[in-house]
Amino acid sequence: MNVAIPFHAKTIRNELAAESVAPPTEDLGKPAHVSGTYIFNLTSIAPLPPLPPQSKHTTTMTSLRILVPIKRVLDYAIKPRIAASGKTVDLTGQKMSLNPFDELSIEASVRLREAHPSRVSDILAFSAGPAKSQDALRTAMAIGADRGLLVDTANTDLEPLAVAKILKKVVEKENMLAGLLGWGQATQAAEIKLQEDSVKVVKEVDGGTETVQGKLPMVVTTDLRLNEPRYASLPNIMKAKKKKLDKETLESYGAGLEGRLEVLKVSEPPPRQGGGKVADVGGLVEKLKELGAI
């Protein structure tokens, strides 16, 4: 979740109290997985006249605009099949759906607007994929997104770095915030609270929960326990067909999006071995010793 709040034509310095990430470089490592991430930003501000005398700590808030990247994926209830080439998953004739994590992100965005109707002005669902990705965008709009944006990749399979570059340009085009890299980050959000100029995120960790708070703008990725997405009713599905859905070509985002990786092989995990029974604790210990576990 990336949120930008400019204060009277000034940019807030990015701060994260308990968790932060260093700005990734273009040539080193992989960018964070985009799916299930939502990006909050503000409408652009025109230069304002001089403010009346006030405390230097007083700020003027503007409305938030939310960008939610989503993806059309194989339906979670279907078991994937390996294609004959052995290098990809066979999607021929398979049911495709909106990524469940992305549903959580859309739902969280809509709930934030319901909780703060005067602050959240726009929710944009974005996807980079084939033309059929419009179905996922329409579903997102039926849940509550205001509009959609599709970057048609035709038959091109985008790698994570290319998706990150496209997202950065989308943020710039939407007049949100030009500096996508270098924002604070909180992962696996189980609860999100929007405050004056920051976001508080509760994360589930081993042995309990962890709470982090960061200044806006900020990236937040979702956990399955974040919420229960609402059902896209038939009336809302019909309304979604009338909402704005812009389409752009991959070429319009410039060079540097070509693939750099080659898939050598995709295979199913080996079948699990059958279990065994032991008579008592002593037998269990002996069996563990045979297996080299202790």
C-alpha atoms as a PDB file:
ATOM      1  CA  MET A   1       0.000   0.000   0.000  1.00  0.00           C
ATOM      2  CA  ASN A   2       1.685   3.211  -1.097  1.00  0.00           C
ATOM      3  CA  VAL A   3       0.160   6.381   0.167  1.00  0.00           C
ATOM      4  CA  ALA A   4       1.370   9.876  -0.621  1.00  0.00           C
ATOM      5  CA  ILE A   5       0.296  12.946   1.318  1.00  0.00           C
ATOM      6  CA  PRO A   6       1.846  16.233   0.207  1.00  0.00           C
ATOM      7  CA  PHE A   7       1.437  19.008   2.758  1.00  0.00           C
ATOM      8  CA  HIS A   8       0.889  22.430   1.207  1.00  0.00           C
ATOM      9  CA  ALA A   9       3.125  21.863  -1.823  1.00  0.00           C
ATOM     10  CA  LYS A  10       5.790  20.244   0.337  1.00  0.00           C
ATOM     11  CA  THR A  11       6.767  16.578   0.215  1.00  0.00           C
ATOM     12  CA  ILE A  12       6.792  14.540   3.395  1.00  0.00           C
ATOM     13  CA  ARG A  13      10.025  12.757   4.155  1.00  0.00           C
ATOM     14  CA  ASN A  14       9.458   8.997   4.094  1.00  0.00           C
ATOM     15  CA  GLU A  15       9.832   7.498   7.520  1.00  0.00           C
ATOM     16  CA  LEU A  16       9.048   4.081   8.920  1.00  0.00           C
ATOM     17  CA  ALA A  17       9.114   3.598  12.675  1.00  0.00           C
ATOM     18  CA  ALA A  18       9.644  -0.147  12.949  1.00  0.00           C
ATOM     19  CA  GLU A  19      10.260  -1.542   9.449  1.00  0.00           C
ATOM     20  CA  SER A  20      11.741  -0.175   6.231  1.00  0.00           C
ATOM     21  CA  VAL A  21      13.373  -1.366   3.047  1.00  0.00           C
ATOM     22  CA  ALA A  22      16.275   0.163   1.160  1.00  0.00           C
ATOM     23  CA  PRO A  23      15.493   1.396  -2.354  1.00  0.00           C
ATOM     24  CA  PRO A  24      16.178  -1.500  -4.728  1.00  0.00           C
ATOM     25  CA  THR A  25      18.376  -0.887  -7.734  1.00  0.00           C
ATOM     26  CA  GLU A  26      17.310  -1.727 -11.226  1.00  0.00           C
ATOM     27  CA  ASP A  27      20.011  -4.283 -11.864  1.00  0.00           C
ATOM     28  CA  LEU A  28      20.305  -6.030  -8.499  1.00  0.00           C
ATOM     29  CA  GLY A  29      17.925  -8.644  -7.127  1.00  0.00           C
ATOM     30  CA  LYS A  30      14.234  -9.072  -7.717  1.00  0.00           C
ATOM     31  CA  PRO A  31      11.577  -6.531  -6.791  1.00  0.00           C
ATOM     32  CA  ALA A  32       8.960  -7.448  -4.224  1.00  0.00           C
ATOM     33  CA  HIS A  33       6.057  -9.532  -5.483  1.00  0.00           C
ATOM     34  CA  VAL A  34       3.401  -7.138  -6.680  1.00  0.00           C
ATOM     35  CA  SER A  35       0.324  -9.278  -6.276  1.00  0.00           C
ATOM     36  CA  GLY A  36      -1.723  -8.500  -3.225  1.00  0.00           C
ATOM     37  CA  THR A  37      -0.217  -5.037  -2.837  1.00  0.00           C
ATOM     38  CA  TYR A  38      -2.179  -1.838  -2.773  1.00  0.00           C
ATOM     39  CA  ILE A  39      -0.733   1.608  -3.324  1.00  0.00           C
ATOM     40  CA  PHE A  40      -2.209   4.723  -1.788  1.00  0.00           C
ATOM     41  CA  ASN A  41      -1.485   8.129  -3.260  1.00  0.00           C
ATOM     42  CA  LEU A  42      -2.832  11.635  -3.253  1.00  0.00           C
ATOM     43  CA  THR A  43      -4.330  13.850  -5.884  1.00  0.00           C
ATOM     44  CA  SER A  44      -1.920  16.408  -7.242  1.00  0.00           C
ATOM     45  CA  ILE A  45      -1.963  19.883  -5.716  1.00  0.00           C
ATOM     46  CA  ALA A  46      -1.681  23.201  -7.478  1.00  0.00           C
ATOM     47  CA  PRO A  47       0.565  25.842  -5.854  1.00  0.00           C
ATOM     48  CA  LEU A  48      -1.282  27.396  -2.957  1.00  0.00           C
ATOM     49  CA  PRO A  49      -1.318  31.015  -1.767  1.00  0.00           C
ATOM     50  CA  PRO A  50       0.652  31.805   1.386  1.00  0.00           C
ATOM     51  CA  LEU A  51      -0.800  30.207   4.476  1.00  0.00           C
ATOM     52  CA  PRO A  52      -1.973  32.346   7.368  1.00  0.00           C
ATOM     53  CA  PRO A  53       0.280  32.388  10.427  1.00  0.00           C
ATOM     54  CA  GLN A  54       0.070  29.067  12.257  1.00  0.00           C
ATOM     55  CA  SER A  55       2.118  26.576  14.189  1.00  0.00           C
ATOM     56  CA  LYS A  56       4.894  24.997  12.142  1.00  0.00           C
ATOM     57  CA  HIS A  57       3.513  21.578  13.130  1.00  0.00           C
ATOM     58  CA  THR A  58       0.056  22.228  11.636  1.00  0.00           C
ATOM     59  CA  THR A  59      -0.618  20.500   8.291  1.00  0.00           C
ATOM     60  CA  THR A  60      -3.307  20.641   5.617  1.00  0.00           C
ATOM     61  CA  MET A  61      -4.529  17.235   4.447  1.00  0.00           C
ATOM     62  CA  THR A  62      -5.647  16.361   0.904  1.00  0.00           C
ATOM     63  CA  SER A  63      -7.608  13.359  -0.328  1.00  0.00           C
ATOM     64  CA  LEU A  64      -6.091   9.933  -0.952  1.00  0.00           C
ATOM     65  CA  ARG A  65      -6.123   8.063  -4.259  1.00  0.00           C
ATOM     66  CA  ILE A  66      -5.619   4.310  -4.076  1.00  0.00           C
ATOM     67  CA  LEU A  67      -3.912   2.160  -6.712  1.00  0.00           C
ATOM     68  CA  VAL A  68      -4.481  -1.601  -6.409  1.00  0.00           C
ATOM     69  CA  PRO A  69      -2.405  -3.865  -8.702  1.00  0.00           C
ATOM     70  CA  ILE A  70      -4.306  -7.085  -9.460  1.00  0.00           C
ATOM     71  CA  LYS A  71      -3.725 -10.220 -11.541  1.00  0.00           C
ATOM     72  CA  ARG A  72      -5.815 -12.788 -13.399  1.00  0.00           C
ATOM     73  CA  VAL A  73      -4.650 -16.245 -12.269  1.00  0.00           C
ATOM     74  CA  LEU A  74      -5.690 -19.886 -12.343  1.00  0.00           C
ATOM     75  CA  ASP A  75      -8.670 -20.351 -10.027  1.00  0.00           C
ATOM     76  CA  TYR A  76      -7.478 -21.443  -6.591  1.00  0.00           C
ATOM     77  CA  ALA A  77      -9.848 -24.447  -6.567  1.00  0.00           C
ATOM     78  CA  ILE A  78      -8.251 -25.996  -9.681  1.00  0.00           C
ATOM     79  CA  LYS A  79      -5.178 -28.202  -9.500  1.00  0.00           C
ATOM     80  CA  PRO A  80      -2.472 -26.923 -11.877  1.00  0.00           C
ATOM     81  CA  ARG A  81      -1.341 -29.173 -14.739  1.00  0.00           C
ATOM     82  CA  ILE A  82       2.137 -29.099 -16.235  1.00  0.00           C
ATOM     83  CA  ALA A  83       2.158 -28.322 -19.954  1.00  0.00           C
ATOM     84  CA  ALA A  84       3.614 -30.823 -22.437  1.00  0.00           C
ATOM     85  CA  SER A  85       6.685 -28.612 -22.847  1.00  0.00           C
ATOM     86  CA  GLY A  86       7.521 -29.109 -19.178  1.00  0.00           C
ATOM     87  CA  LYS A  87       8.289 -25.401 -18.838  1.00  0.00           C
ATOM     88  CA  THR A  88       4.970 -23.873 -17.828  1.00  0.00           C
ATOM     89  CA  VAL A  89       1.494 -24.547 -16.413  1.00  0.00           C
ATOM     90  CA  ASP A  90      -1.177 -25.585 -18.893  1.00  0.00           C
ATOM     91  CA  LEU A  91      -3.965 -22.977 -18.792  1.00  0.00           C
ATOM     92  CA  THR A  92      -5.864 -24.242 -21.838  1.00  0.00           C
ATOM     93  CA  GLY A  93      -9.584 -24.325 -21.059  1.00  0.00           C
ATOM     94  CA  GLN A  94      -8.949 -23.679 -17.362  1.00  0.00           C
ATOM     95  CA  LYS A  95     -11.038 -21.364 -15.199  1.00  0.00           C
ATOM     96  CA  MET A  96      -9.261 -18.101 -14.439  1.00  0.00           C
ATOM     97  CA  SER A  97     -10.131 -15.779 -11.561  1.00  0.00           C
ATOM     98  CA  LEU A  98      -8.983 -12.720  -9.673  1.00  0.00           C
ATOM     99  CA  ASN A  99      -6.063 -13.524  -7.366  1.00  0.00           C
ATOM    100  CA  PRO A 100      -7.551 -14.044  -3.838  1.00  0.00           C
ATOM    101  CA  PHE A 101      -4.869 -11.827  -2.286  1.00  0.00           C
ATOM    102  CA  ASP A 102      -5.849  -9.045  -4.699  1.00  0.00           C
ATOM    103  CA  GLU A 103      -9.482  -9.410  -3.634  1.00  0.00           C
ATOM    104  CA  LEU A 104      -8.313  -8.728  -0.079  1.00  0.00           C
ATOM    105  CA  SER A 105      -6.519  -5.591  -1.262  1.00  0.00           C
ATOM    106  CA  ILE A 106      -9.589  -4.278  -3.095  1.00  0.00           C
ATOM    107  CA  GLU A 107     -11.778  -5.034  -0.077  1.00  0.00           C
ATOM    108  CA  ALA A 108      -9.331  -3.290   2.279  1.00  0.00           C
ATOM    109  CA  SER A 109      -9.295  -0.223   0.023  1.00  0.00           C
ATOM    110  CA  VAL A 110     -13.103  -0.058  -0.085  1.00  0.00           C
ATOM    111  CA  ARG A 111     -13.296  -0.430   3.692  1.00  0.00           C
ATOM    112  CA  LEU A 112     -10.813   2.390   4.160  1.00  0.00           C
ATOM    113  CA  ARG A 113     -13.003   4.625   1.997  1.00  0.00           C
ATOM    114  CA  GLU A 114     -16.087   3.601   3.953  1.00  0.00           C
ATOM    115  CA  ALA A 115     -14.284   4.445   7.197  1.00  0.00           C
ATOM    116  CA  HIS A 116     -12.821   7.706   5.818  1.00  0.00           C
ATOM    117  CA  PRO A 117     -15.228   8.862   3.053  1.00  0.00           C
ATOM    118  CA  SER A 118     -13.899  12.426   3.027  1.00  0.00           C
ATOM    119  CA  ARG A 119     -10.259  11.329   2.592  1.00  0.00           C
ATOM    120  CA  VAL A 120     -10.359   8.566  -0.054  1.00  0.00           C
ATOM    121  CA  SER A 121     -11.422  10.039  -3.389  1.00  0.00           C
ATOM    122  CA  ASP A 122     -10.525   7.350  -5.946  1.00  0.00           C
ATOM    123  CA  ILE A 123      -9.707   3.620  -6.169  1.00  0.00           C
ATOM    124  CA  LEU A 124      -7.939   2.471  -9.351  1.00  0.00           C
ATOM    125  CA  ALA A 125      -7.537  -1.249 -10.158  1.00  0.00           C
ATOM    126  CA  PHE A 126      -4.516  -1.928 -12.390  1.00  0.00           C
ATOM    127  CA  SER A 127      -3.450  -5.061 -14.248  1.00  0.00           C
ATOM    128  CA  ALA A 128      -0.743  -5.927 -16.781  1.00  0.00           C
ATOM    129  CA  GLY A 129      -1.675  -8.989 -18.832  1.00  0.00           C
ATOM    130  CA  PRO A 130      -3.630 -10.299 -21.822  1.00  0.00           C
ATOM    131  CA  ALA A 131      -6.912  -8.752 -22.965  1.00  0.00           C
ATOM    132  CA  LYS A 132      -8.884 -11.286 -20.903  1.00  0.00           C
ATOM    133  CA  SER A 133      -7.545  -9.600 -17.782  1.00  0.00           C
ATOM    134  CA  GLN A 134     -10.450  -7.182 -18.247  1.00  0.00           C
ATOM    135  CA  ASP A 135     -12.608  -9.788 -16.500  1.00  0.00           C
ATOM    136  CA  ALA A 136     -10.518  -9.492 -13.335  1.00  0.00           C
ATOM    137  CA  LEU A 137     -10.650  -5.704 -13.530  1.00  0.00           C
ATOM    138  CA  ARG A 138     -14.435  -5.785 -13.897  1.00  0.00           C
ATOM    139  CA  THR A 139     -14.640  -8.016 -10.821  1.00  0.00           C
ATOM    140  CA  ALA A 140     -12.505  -5.534  -8.893  1.00  0.00           C
ATOM    141  CA  MET A 141     -14.795  -2.704  -9.958  1.00  0.00           C
ATOM    142  CA  ALA A 142     -17.857  -4.731  -8.963  1.00  0.00           C
ATOM    143  CA  ILE A 143     -16.365  -5.074  -5.477  1.00  0.00           C
ATOM    144  CA  GLY A 144     -15.857  -1.327  -5.247  1.00  0.00           C
ATOM    145  CA  ALA A 145     -12.989   0.027  -7.364  1.00  0.00           C
ATOM    146  CA  ASP A 146     -13.959   3.202  -9.255  1.00  0.00           C
ATOM    147  CA  ARG A 147     -12.094   2.519 -12.497  1.00  0.00           C
ATOM    148  CA  GLY A 148      -9.628   0.170 -14.132  1.00  0.00           C
ATOM    149  CA  LEU A 149      -6.423   0.335 -16.162  1.00  0.00           C
ATOM    150  CA  LEU A 150      -5.158  -2.540 -18.325  1.00  0.00           C
ATOM    151  CA  VAL A 151      -1.710  -2.674 -19.906  1.00  0.00           C
ATOM    152  CA  ASP A 152      -2.199  -5.247 -22.667  1.00  0.00           C
ATOM    153  CA  THR A 153       0.900  -7.454 -22.809  1.00  0.00           C
ATOM    154  CA  ALA A 154      -0.504  -9.686 -25.584  1.00  0.00           C
ATOM    155  CA  ASN A 155       1.607 -12.869 -25.503  1.00  0.00           C
ATOM    156  CA  THR A 156       4.474 -11.366 -23.483  1.00  0.00           C
ATOM    157  CA  ASP A 157       5.145 -12.903 -20.071  1.00  0.00           C
ATOM    158  CA  LEU A 158       6.309 -10.114 -17.784  1.00  0.00           C
ATOM    159  CA  GLU A 159       8.945 -10.712 -15.146  1.00  0.00           C
ATOM    160  CA  PRO A 160       8.720  -9.072 -11.701  1.00  0.00           C
ATOM    161  CA  LEU A 161      11.235  -6.334 -12.556  1.00  0.00           C
ATOM    162  CA  ALA A 162       9.234  -5.330 -15.654  1.00  0.00           C
ATOM    163  CA  VAL A 163       6.011  -5.190 -13.598  1.00  0.00           C
ATOM    164  CA  ALA A 164       7.747  -2.941 -11.050  1.00  0.00           C
ATOM    165  CA  LYS A 165       8.894  -0.569 -13.828  1.00  0.00           C
ATOM    166  CA  ILE A 166       5.391  -0.400 -15.290  1.00  0.00           C
ATOM    167  CA  LEU A 167       3.885   0.301 -11.863  1.00  0.00           C
ATOM    168  CA  LYS A 168       6.332   3.138 -11.325  1.00  0.00           C
ATOM    169  CA  LYS A 169       5.268   4.752 -14.612  1.00  0.00           C
ATOM    170  CA  VAL A 170       1.586   4.255 -13.808  1.00  0.00           C
ATOM    171  CA  VAL A 171       2.118   6.090 -10.533  1.00  0.00           C
ATOM    172  CA  GLU A 172       3.801   8.946 -12.404  1.00  0.00           C
ATOM    173  CA  LYS A 173       1.057   9.126 -15.047  1.00  0.00           C
ATOM    174  CA  GLU A 174      -1.635   9.191 -12.381  1.00  0.00           C
ATOM    175  CA  ASN A 175      -0.031  12.301 -10.888  1.00  0.00           C
ATOM    176  CA  MET A 176       0.405  10.508  -7.608  1.00  0.00           C
ATOM    177  CA  LEU A 177       4.053  10.384  -6.576  1.00  0.00           C
ATOM    178  CA  ALA A 178       7.045  10.144  -8.895  1.00  0.00           C
ATOM    179  CA  GLY A 179       9.310   8.435  -6.364  1.00  0.00           C
ATOM    180  CA  LEU A 180       7.984   4.877  -6.148  1.00  0.00           C
ATOM    181  CA  LEU A 181      11.305   3.467  -4.969  1.00  0.00           C
ATOM    182  CA  GLY A 182      12.434   4.287  -1.482  1.00  0.00           C
ATOM    183  CA  TRP A 183       9.005   4.105   0.164  1.00  0.00           C
ATOM    184  CA  GLY A 184       8.535   2.396   3.496  1.00  0.00           C
ATOM    185  CA  GLN A 185       7.089  -1.125   3.536  1.00  0.00           C
ATOM    186  CA  ALA A 186       5.040  -3.372   5.812  1.00  0.00           C
ATOM    187  CA  THR A 187       4.299  -6.963   4.763  1.00  0.00           C
ATOM    188  CA  GLN A 188       1.626  -9.562   5.607  1.00  0.00           C
ATOM    189  CA  ALA A 189      -0.899  -7.082   6.958  1.00  0.00           C
ATOM    190  CA  ALA A 190      -3.656  -8.612   9.090  1.00  0.00           C
ATOM    191  CA  GLU A 191      -5.079  -5.213  10.104  1.00  0.00           C
ATOM    192  CA  ILE A 192      -4.683  -1.733   8.619  1.00  0.00           C
ATOM    193  CA  LYS A 193      -5.517   1.582  10.280  1.00  0.00           C
ATOM    194  CA  LEU A 194      -5.264   4.890   8.424  1.00  0.00           C
ATOM    195  CA  GLN A 195      -4.230   7.761  10.670  1.00  0.00           C
ATOM    196  CA  GLU A 196      -3.535  11.453  10.093  1.00  0.00           C
ATOM    197  CA  ASP A 197      -0.272  11.200   8.164  1.00  0.00           C
ATOM    198  CA  SER A 198       0.677   7.565   8.692  1.00  0.00           C
ATOM    199  CA  VAL A 199      -0.542   3.987   8.479  1.00  0.00           C
ATOM    200  CA  LYS A 200      -0.521   1.492  11.354  1.00  0.00           C
ATOM    201  CA  VAL A 201      -0.231  -2.171  10.307  1.00  0.00           C
ATOM    202  CA  VAL A 202      -0.720  -5.235  12.508  1.00  0.00           C
ATOM    203  CA  LYS A 203       1.201  -8.270  11.221  1.00  0.00           C
ATOM    204  CA  GLU A 204       0.849 -11.898  12.256  1.00  0.00           C
ATOM    205  CA  VAL A 205       4.232 -13.397  13.173  1.00  0.00           C
ATOM    206  CA  ASP A 206       5.371 -16.592  14.871  1.00  0.00           C
ATOM    207  CA  GLY A 207       4.084 -16.522  18.425  1.00  0.00           C
ATOM    208  CA  GLY A 208       1.736 -13.523  18.125  1.00  0.00           C
ATOM    209  CA  THR A 209       1.383 -10.195  16.343  1.00  0.00           C
ATOM    210  CA  GLU A 210       3.688  -7.306  15.514  1.00  0.00           C
ATOM    211  CA  THR A 211       2.548  -3.718  15.016  1.00  0.00           C
ATOM    212  CA  VAL A 212       4.454  -1.302  12.794  1.00  0.00           C
ATOM    213  CA  GLN A 213       3.676   2.274  11.877  1.00  0.00           C
ATOM    214  CA  GLY A 214       5.029   4.250   8.958  1.00  0.00           C
ATOM    215  CA  LYS A 215       4.791   7.708   7.452  1.00  0.00           C
ATOM    216  CA  LEU A 216       3.091   8.015   4.091  1.00  0.00           C
ATOM    217  CA  PRO A 217       3.780   7.084   1.293  1.00  0.00           C
ATOM    218  CA  MET A 218       3.994   3.385   2.129  1.00  0.00           C
ATOM    219  CA  VAL A 219       3.755  -0.068   0.538  1.00  0.00           C
ATOM    220  CA  VAL A 220       1.669  -2.691   2.347  1.00  0.00           C
ATOM    221  CA  THR A 221       1.200  -6.314   1.263  1.00  0.00           C
ATOM    222  CA  THR A 222      -1.749  -8.383   2.442  1.00  0.00           C
ATOM    223  CA  ASP A 223      -2.257 -11.506   4.502  1.00  0.00           C
ATOM    224  CA  LEU A 224      -5.175 -13.895   4.007  1.00  0.00           C
ATOM    225  CA  ARG A 225      -6.536 -12.952   7.435  1.00  0.00           C
ATOM    226  CA  LEU A 226      -6.833  -9.264   6.559  1.00  0.00           C
ATOM    227  CA  ASN A 227     -10.547  -9.421   5.723  1.00  0.00           C
ATOM    228  CA  GLU A 228     -13.353 -11.370   4.063  1.00  0.00           C
ATOM    229  CA  PRO A 229     -13.965  -9.862   0.601  1.00  0.00           C
ATOM    230  CA  ARG A 230     -17.567  -8.929  -0.092  1.00  0.00           C
ATOM    231  CA  TYR A 231     -19.584 -10.771  -2.727  1.00  0.00           C
ATOM    232  CA  ALA A 232     -19.783  -9.062  -6.100  1.00  0.00           C
ATOM    233  CA  SER A 233     -23.556  -8.905  -6.529  1.00  0.00           C
ATOM    234  CA  LEU A 234     -25.229  -8.951  -9.938  1.00  0.00           C
ATOM    235  CA  PRO A 235     -26.295  -5.270  -9.760  1.00  0.00           C
ATOM    236  CA  ASN A 236     -22.715  -4.257  -8.943  1.00  0.00           C
ATOM    237  CA  ILE A 237     -21.387  -6.460 -11.763  1.00  0.00           C
ATOM    238  CA  MET A 238     -23.710  -4.637 -14.187  1.00  0.00           C
ATOM    239  CA  LYS A 239     -22.608  -1.255 -12.811  1.00  0.00           C
ATOM    240  CA  ALA A 240     -18.960  -2.285 -13.226  1.00  0.00           C
ATOM    241  CA  LYS A 241     -19.521  -2.679 -16.980  1.00  0.00           C
ATOM    242  CA  LYS A 242     -20.235   1.049 -17.161  1.00  0.00           C
ATOM    243  CA  LYS A 243     -17.183   2.116 -15.190  1.00  0.00           C
ATOM    244  CA  LYS A 244     -14.171   3.501 -16.981  1.00  0.00           C
ATOM    245  CA  LEU A 245     -11.548   0.951 -18.054  1.00  0.00           C
ATOM    246  CA  ASP A 246      -8.542   2.396 -19.880  1.00  0.00           C
ATOM    247  CA  LYS A 247      -6.368   0.199 -22.108  1.00  0.00           C
ATOM    248  CA  GLU A 248      -2.734   0.820 -22.967  1.00  0.00           C
ATOM    249  CA  THR A 249      -0.133  -1.150 -24.890  1.00  0.00           C
ATOM    250  CA  LEU A 250       3.041  -2.550 -23.399  1.00  0.00           C
ATOM    251  CA  GLU A 251       5.066  -0.612 -25.995  1.00  0.00           C
ATOM    252  CA  SER A 252       3.813   2.680 -24.550  1.00  0.00           C
ATOM    253  CA  TYR A 253       5.846   1.978 -21.406  1.00  0.00           C
ATOM    254  CA  GLY A 254       9.157   2.059 -23.249  1.00  0.00           C
ATOM    255  CA  ALA A 255      12.119  -0.297 -23.449  1.00  0.00           C
ATOM    256  CA  GLY A 256      13.718  -2.353 -20.709  1.00  0.00           C
ATOM    257  CA  LEU A 257      10.737  -4.647 -20.112  1.00  0.00           C
ATOM    258  CA  GLU A 258      12.099  -7.619 -22.049  1.00  0.00           C
ATOM    259  CA  GLY A 259      12.526 -10.945 -20.279  1.00  0.00           C
ATOM    260  CA  ARG A 260      15.884 -11.827 -18.748  1.00  0.00           C
ATOM    261  CA  LEU A 261      15.046 -15.231 -17.323  1.00  0.00           C
ATOM    262  CA  GLU A 262      14.617 -18.626 -18.979  1.00  0.00           C
ATOM    263  CA  VAL A 263      12.421 -21.340 -17.461  1.00  0.00           C
ATOM    264  CA  LEU A 264      14.298 -24.609 -17.751  1.00  0.00           C
ATOM    265  CA  LYS A 265      11.770 -26.950 -16.186  1.00  0.00           C
ATOM    266  CA  VAL A 266       8.475 -27.021 -14.279  1.00  0.00           C
ATOM    267  CA  SER A 267       7.568 -30.196 -12.424  1.00  0.00           C
ATOM    268  CA  GLU A 268       5.068 -31.358  -9.849  1.00  0.00           C
ATOM    269  CA  PRO A 269       6.294 -32.018  -6.303  1.00  0.00           C
ATOM    270  CA  PRO A 270       7.193 -35.661  -5.595  1.00  0.00           C
ATOM    271  CA  PRO A 271       4.425 -37.758  -4.027  1.00  0.00           C
ATOM    272  CA  ARG A 272       4.469 -37.935  -0.256  1.00  0.00           C
ATOM    273  CA  GLN A 273       5.680 -41.146   1.308  1.00  0.00           C
ATOM    274  CA  GLY A 274       3.287 -43.128   3.447  1.00  0.00           C
ATOM    275  CA  GLY A 275       3.549 -42.772   7.216  1.00  0.00           C
ATOM    276  CA  GLY A 276       4.200 -45.459   9.795  1.00  0.00           C
ATOM    277  CA  LYS A 277       3.037 -46.326  13.296  1.00  0.00           C
ATOM    278  CA  VAL A 278       5.068 -46.921  16.439  1.00  0.00           C
ATOM    279  CA  ALA A 279       3.985 -48.735  19.581  1.00  0.00           C
ATOM    280  CA  ASP A 280       5.285 -46.276  22.160  1.00  0.00           C
ATOM    281  CA  VAL A 281       7.587 -43.303  22.807  1.00  0.00           C
ATOM    282  CA  GLY A 282      10.637 -45.562  22.796  1.00  0.00           C
ATOM    283  CA  GLY A 283       9.735 -46.825  19.332  1.00  0.00           C
ATOM    284  CA  LEU A 284       9.292 -43.246  18.144  1.00  0.00           C
ATOM    285  CA  VAL A 285      12.746 -42.296  19.415  1.00  0.00           C
ATOM    286  CA  GLU A 286      14.334 -45.313  17.694  1.00  0.00           C
ATOM    287  CA  LYS A 287      12.577 -44.476  14.441  1.00  0.00           C
ATOM    288  CA  LEU A 288      13.743 -40.870  14.571  1.00  0.00           C
ATOM    289  CA  LYS A 289      17.296 -42.059  15.145  1.00  0.00           C
ATOM    290  CA  GLU A 290      17.065 -44.348  12.114  1.00  0.00           C
ATOM    291  CA  LEU A 291      15.954 -41.405   9.999  1.00  0.00           C
ATOM    292  CA  GLY A 292      18.759 -39.234  11.348  1.00  0.00           C
ATOM    293  CA  ALA A 293      16.316 -36.731  12.801  1.00  0.00           C
ATOM    294  CA  ILE A 294      17.920 -36.869  16.262  1.00  0.00           C
END
